[in-house]
Amino acid sequence: DAMWQNKRVFFCTPQTLVKDITEGRCKAESIVCVVMDEAHRATGEHANSVLVRLIGQAGAKYRLVGLSATPGTDIKSIQAVCNTLNISRIE
C-alpha cells in the first residue's frame, strides 16, 4: 500500500497494524518505533503481543515505548508483560 511506503508516522490500533502486516500492506522489518498504549494488555494472543512477535520475526531493529496506567497487580504479571514485549527497562 502506498500509504505505508510514503509516510513516516502512523497512529493506529495494534489490530490495524497486525492486519496490515499479515496482509502484506506494511513491511514489519521497516518499523523502527512503536508507542504502545495499554501495554499491560500484551498477554496471550492480544494484538499487542502479536504485533511485537511479527515485528521481531521480521528481524526489525526497533524500539518500543509501552505505556500503562495499570501495569499489573504483582511482580509476576508485570514481568510477563515485560517478557512478551521484550522490555529491558522500566521507568
N, C-alpha and C. Protein backbone atom coordinates (compact mmCIF):
# COMPACT_ATOMS: atom_id res chain seq x y z
N ASP A 1 0.85 -1.18 0.00
CA ASP A 1 0.00 0.00 0.00
C ASP A 1 0.89 1.24 0.00
N ALA A 2 0.56 2.20 -0.82
CA ALA A 2 1.36 3.41 -0.97
C ALA A 2 1.46 4.20 0.33
N MET A 3 0.41 4.18 1.13
CA MET A 3 0.42 4.93 2.38
C MET A 3 1.59 4.49 3.25
N TRP A 4 1.79 3.19 3.42
CA TRP A 4 2.88 2.68 4.26
C TRP A 4 4.24 3.00 3.65
N GLN A 5 4.30 3.19 2.34
CA GLN A 5 5.55 3.49 1.67
C GLN A 5 5.94 4.96 1.77
N ASN A 6 4.95 5.84 1.78
CA ASN A 6 5.21 7.27 1.65
C ASN A 6 5.16 8.07 2.94
N LYS A 7 4.65 7.51 4.00
CA LYS A 7 4.51 8.24 5.26
C LYS A 7 5.48 7.68 6.29
N ARG A 8 5.76 8.47 7.33
CA ARG A 8 6.72 8.05 8.35
C ARG A 8 6.09 7.76 9.71
N VAL A 9 4.98 8.41 10.03
CA VAL A 9 4.36 8.28 11.34
C VAL A 9 2.90 7.87 11.15
N PHE A 10 2.48 6.87 11.93
CA PHE A 10 1.11 6.37 11.85
C PHE A 10 0.52 6.27 13.24
N PHE A 11 -0.74 6.62 13.36
CA PHE A 11 -1.50 6.44 14.59
C PHE A 11 -2.56 5.40 14.28
N CYS A 12 -2.45 4.24 14.89
CA CYS A 12 -3.41 3.18 14.61
C CYS A 12 -3.49 2.21 15.77
N THR A 13 -4.50 1.39 15.74
CA THR A 13 -4.62 0.36 16.77
C THR A 13 -3.65 -0.78 16.44
N PRO A 14 -3.28 -1.56 17.44
CA PRO A 14 -2.42 -2.70 17.14
C PRO A 14 -3.11 -3.70 16.21
N GLN A 15 -4.43 -3.80 16.31
CA GLN A 15 -5.17 -4.71 15.44
C GLN A 15 -5.02 -4.30 13.97
N THR A 16 -5.10 -3.00 13.71
CA THR A 16 -4.95 -2.50 12.34
C THR A 16 -3.56 -2.79 11.81
N LEU A 17 -2.55 -2.55 12.62
CA LEU A 17 -1.19 -2.78 12.17
C LEU A 17 -0.91 -4.26 11.96
N VAL A 18 -1.40 -5.11 12.85
CA VAL A 18 -1.23 -6.56 12.67
C VAL A 18 -1.87 -6.99 11.36
N LYS A 19 -3.07 -6.51 11.08
CA LYS A 19 -3.77 -6.87 9.85
C LYS A 19 -2.98 -6.40 8.62
N ASP A 20 -2.49 -5.18 8.66
CA ASP A 20 -1.74 -4.66 7.52
C ASP A 20 -0.41 -5.40 7.31
N ILE A 21 0.20 -5.85 8.39
CA ILE A 21 1.43 -6.65 8.25
C ILE A 21 1.10 -8.02 7.66
N THR A 22 0.12 -8.69 8.24
CA THR A 22 -0.20 -10.05 7.79
C THR A 22 -0.76 -10.08 6.37
N GLU A 23 -1.39 -9.00 5.95
CA GLU A 23 -1.94 -8.95 4.59
C GLU A 23 -0.97 -8.32 3.59
N GLY A 24 0.26 -8.02 4.04
CA GLY A 24 1.30 -7.56 3.13
C GLY A 24 1.29 -6.09 2.77
N ARG A 25 0.48 -5.29 3.44
CA ARG A 25 0.45 -3.85 3.13
C ARG A 25 1.59 -3.09 3.81
N CYS A 26 2.03 -3.59 4.95
CA CYS A 26 3.10 -2.93 5.71
C CYS A 26 4.22 -3.94 5.95
N LYS A 27 5.44 -3.53 5.69
CA LYS A 27 6.60 -4.40 5.93
C LYS A 27 7.04 -4.25 7.38
N ALA A 28 6.90 -5.32 8.15
CA ALA A 28 7.25 -5.27 9.57
C ALA A 28 8.71 -4.91 9.78
N GLU A 29 9.58 -5.32 8.88
CA GLU A 29 11.01 -5.03 9.04
C GLU A 29 11.34 -3.55 8.89
N SER A 30 10.40 -2.76 8.38
CA SER A 30 10.65 -1.33 8.22
C SER A 30 10.22 -0.51 9.44
N ILE A 31 9.62 -1.16 10.42
CA ILE A 31 9.17 -0.46 11.62
C ILE A 31 10.36 -0.19 12.53
N VAL A 32 10.50 1.05 12.98
CA VAL A 32 11.64 1.41 13.84
C VAL A 32 11.22 1.85 15.24
N CYS A 33 9.95 2.21 15.43
CA CYS A 33 9.49 2.62 16.76
C CYS A 33 8.00 2.34 16.89
N VAL A 34 7.63 1.78 18.03
CA VAL A 34 6.22 1.56 18.35
C VAL A 34 5.96 2.20 19.71
N VAL A 35 4.96 3.06 19.77
CA VAL A 35 4.50 3.60 21.04
C VAL A 35 3.17 2.91 21.31
N MET A 36 3.16 2.08 22.35
CA MET A 36 2.02 1.21 22.62
C MET A 36 1.28 1.66 23.87
N ASP A 37 0.05 2.11 23.69
CA ASP A 37 -0.81 2.41 24.82
C ASP A 37 -1.41 1.10 25.32
N GLU A 38 -1.79 1.07 26.60
CA GLU A 38 -2.38 -0.13 27.19
C GLU A 38 -1.45 -1.33 27.06
N ALA A 39 -0.17 -1.10 27.25
CA ALA A 39 0.84 -2.15 27.08
C ALA A 39 0.60 -3.35 27.99
N HIS A 40 -0.06 -3.13 29.12
CA HIS A 40 -0.32 -4.24 30.04
C HIS A 40 -1.23 -5.30 29.44
N ARG A 41 -1.86 -5.01 28.33
CA ARG A 41 -2.72 -6.00 27.67
C ARG A 41 -1.93 -7.01 26.85
N ALA A 42 -0.63 -6.83 26.78
CA ALA A 42 0.22 -7.70 25.95
C ALA A 42 0.41 -9.07 26.61
N THR A 43 -0.66 -9.83 26.60
CA THR A 43 -0.62 -11.20 27.11
C THR A 43 -1.34 -12.10 26.12
N GLY A 44 -1.00 -13.36 26.11
CA GLY A 44 -1.67 -14.30 25.23
C GLY A 44 -1.62 -13.88 23.78
N GLU A 45 -2.76 -13.90 23.12
CA GLU A 45 -2.84 -13.56 21.71
C GLU A 45 -3.43 -12.16 21.47
N HIS A 46 -3.33 -11.29 22.47
CA HIS A 46 -3.78 -9.90 22.27
C HIS A 46 -2.97 -9.29 21.14
N ALA A 47 -3.56 -8.37 20.41
CA ALA A 47 -2.89 -7.75 19.26
C ALA A 47 -1.56 -7.12 19.63
N ASN A 48 -1.42 -6.59 20.84
CA ASN A 48 -0.12 -6.04 21.26
C ASN A 48 0.96 -7.12 21.23
N SER A 49 0.63 -8.30 21.73
CA SER A 49 1.58 -9.42 21.73
C SER A 49 1.90 -9.88 20.32
N VAL A 50 0.86 -10.03 19.52
CA VAL A 50 1.03 -10.49 18.14
C VAL A 50 1.88 -9.49 17.35
N LEU A 51 1.63 -8.22 17.54
CA LEU A 51 2.38 -7.18 16.84
C LEU A 51 3.87 -7.28 17.13
N VAL A 52 4.22 -7.37 18.39
CA VAL A 52 5.64 -7.46 18.77
C VAL A 52 6.26 -8.74 18.20
N ARG A 53 5.52 -9.82 18.23
CA ARG A 53 6.03 -11.09 17.67
C ARG A 53 6.29 -10.96 16.16
N LEU A 54 5.35 -10.35 15.43
CA LEU A 54 5.52 -10.18 13.98
C LEU A 54 6.71 -9.29 13.64
N ILE A 55 6.87 -8.21 14.38
CA ILE A 55 7.99 -7.30 14.14
C ILE A 55 9.31 -8.01 14.43
N GLY A 56 9.35 -8.74 15.54
CA GLY A 56 10.56 -9.48 15.89
C GLY A 56 10.90 -10.56 14.88
N GLN A 57 9.90 -11.30 14.41
CA GLN A 57 10.13 -12.35 13.43
C GLN A 57 10.64 -11.80 12.10
N ALA A 58 10.28 -10.54 11.82
CA ALA A 58 10.73 -9.90 10.58
C ALA A 58 12.18 -9.42 10.69
N GLY A 59 12.72 -9.45 11.90
CA GLY A 59 14.10 -9.02 12.10
C GLY A 59 14.27 -7.52 12.21
N ALA A 60 13.20 -6.82 12.48
CA ALA A 60 13.27 -5.36 12.58
C ALA A 60 14.11 -4.96 13.80
N LYS A 61 14.87 -3.91 13.64
CA LYS A 61 15.59 -3.28 14.75
C LYS A 61 14.74 -2.09 15.17
N TYR A 62 14.03 -2.23 16.28
CA TYR A 62 13.06 -1.21 16.65
C TYR A 62 13.10 -0.96 18.15
N ARG A 63 12.47 0.13 18.54
CA ARG A 63 12.29 0.47 19.95
C ARG A 63 10.80 0.44 20.24
N LEU A 64 10.48 0.05 21.45
CA LEU A 64 9.10 0.01 21.89
C LEU A 64 8.97 0.84 23.15
N VAL A 65 8.02 1.75 23.14
CA VAL A 65 7.68 2.50 24.35
C VAL A 65 6.30 2.00 24.76
N GLY A 66 6.24 1.31 25.88
CA GLY A 66 4.98 0.76 26.36
C GLY A 66 4.41 1.63 27.45
N LEU A 67 3.17 2.07 27.29
CA LEU A 67 2.51 2.94 28.26
C LEU A 67 1.39 2.18 28.95
N SER A 68 1.27 2.39 30.27
CA SER A 68 0.20 1.74 31.01
C SER A 68 -0.02 2.46 32.32
N ALA A 69 -1.27 2.75 32.64
CA ALA A 69 -1.60 3.31 33.94
C ALA A 69 -1.77 2.21 34.98
N THR A 70 -2.00 0.98 34.50
CA THR A 70 -2.20 -0.17 35.39
C THR A 70 -1.35 -1.34 34.92
N PRO A 71 -0.06 -1.32 35.20
CA PRO A 71 0.85 -2.33 34.65
C PRO A 71 0.62 -3.75 35.16
N GLY A 72 0.05 -3.91 36.32
CA GLY A 72 -0.20 -5.25 36.85
C GLY A 72 -0.35 -5.20 38.35
N THR A 73 -0.84 -6.29 38.90
CA THR A 73 -1.10 -6.32 40.34
C THR A 73 0.03 -6.94 41.14
N ASP A 74 0.94 -7.62 40.47
CA ASP A 74 2.08 -8.22 41.16
C ASP A 74 3.27 -8.30 40.22
N ILE A 75 4.42 -8.61 40.79
CA ILE A 75 5.66 -8.67 40.00
C ILE A 75 5.56 -9.70 38.88
N LYS A 76 4.94 -10.82 39.14
CA LYS A 76 4.84 -11.88 38.13
C LYS A 76 4.07 -11.41 36.89
N SER A 77 2.95 -10.72 37.09
CA SER A 77 2.17 -10.24 35.93
C SER A 77 2.91 -9.13 35.18
N ILE A 78 3.60 -8.28 35.92
CA ILE A 78 4.39 -7.23 35.27
C ILE A 78 5.54 -7.84 34.48
N GLN A 79 6.21 -8.83 35.06
CA GLN A 79 7.32 -9.48 34.36
C GLN A 79 6.84 -10.21 33.11
N ALA A 80 5.65 -10.79 33.16
CA ALA A 80 5.10 -11.48 31.98
C ALA A 80 4.93 -10.51 30.82
N VAL A 81 4.42 -9.31 31.11
CA VAL A 81 4.26 -8.30 30.06
C VAL A 81 5.63 -7.86 29.54
N CYS A 82 6.57 -7.64 30.45
CA CYS A 82 7.93 -7.25 30.05
C CYS A 82 8.55 -8.30 29.14
N ASN A 83 8.36 -9.57 29.48
CA ASN A 83 8.90 -10.65 28.65
C ASN A 83 8.26 -10.68 27.28
N THR A 84 6.95 -10.55 27.24
CA THR A 84 6.22 -10.58 25.96
C THR A 84 6.66 -9.44 25.05
N LEU A 85 6.86 -8.27 25.63
CA LEU A 85 7.21 -7.10 24.82
C LEU A 85 8.72 -6.88 24.70
N ASN A 86 9.51 -7.79 25.25
CA ASN A 86 10.98 -7.67 25.22
C ASN A 86 11.44 -6.37 25.85
N ILE A 87 10.80 -5.99 26.94
CA ILE A 87 11.14 -4.75 27.63
C ILE A 87 12.34 -4.99 28.53
N SER A 88 13.34 -4.12 28.40
CA SER A 88 14.55 -4.27 29.20
C SER A 88 14.69 -3.16 30.25
N ARG A 89 13.85 -2.16 30.17
CA ARG A 89 13.96 -1.05 31.12
C ARG A 89 12.59 -0.50 31.45
N ILE A 90 12.35 -0.27 32.75
CA ILE A 90 11.08 0.29 33.19
C ILE A 90 11.36 1.60 33.92
N GLU A 91 10.57 2.61 33.62
CA GLU A 91 10.72 3.91 34.30
C GLU A 91 9.41 4.32 34.88
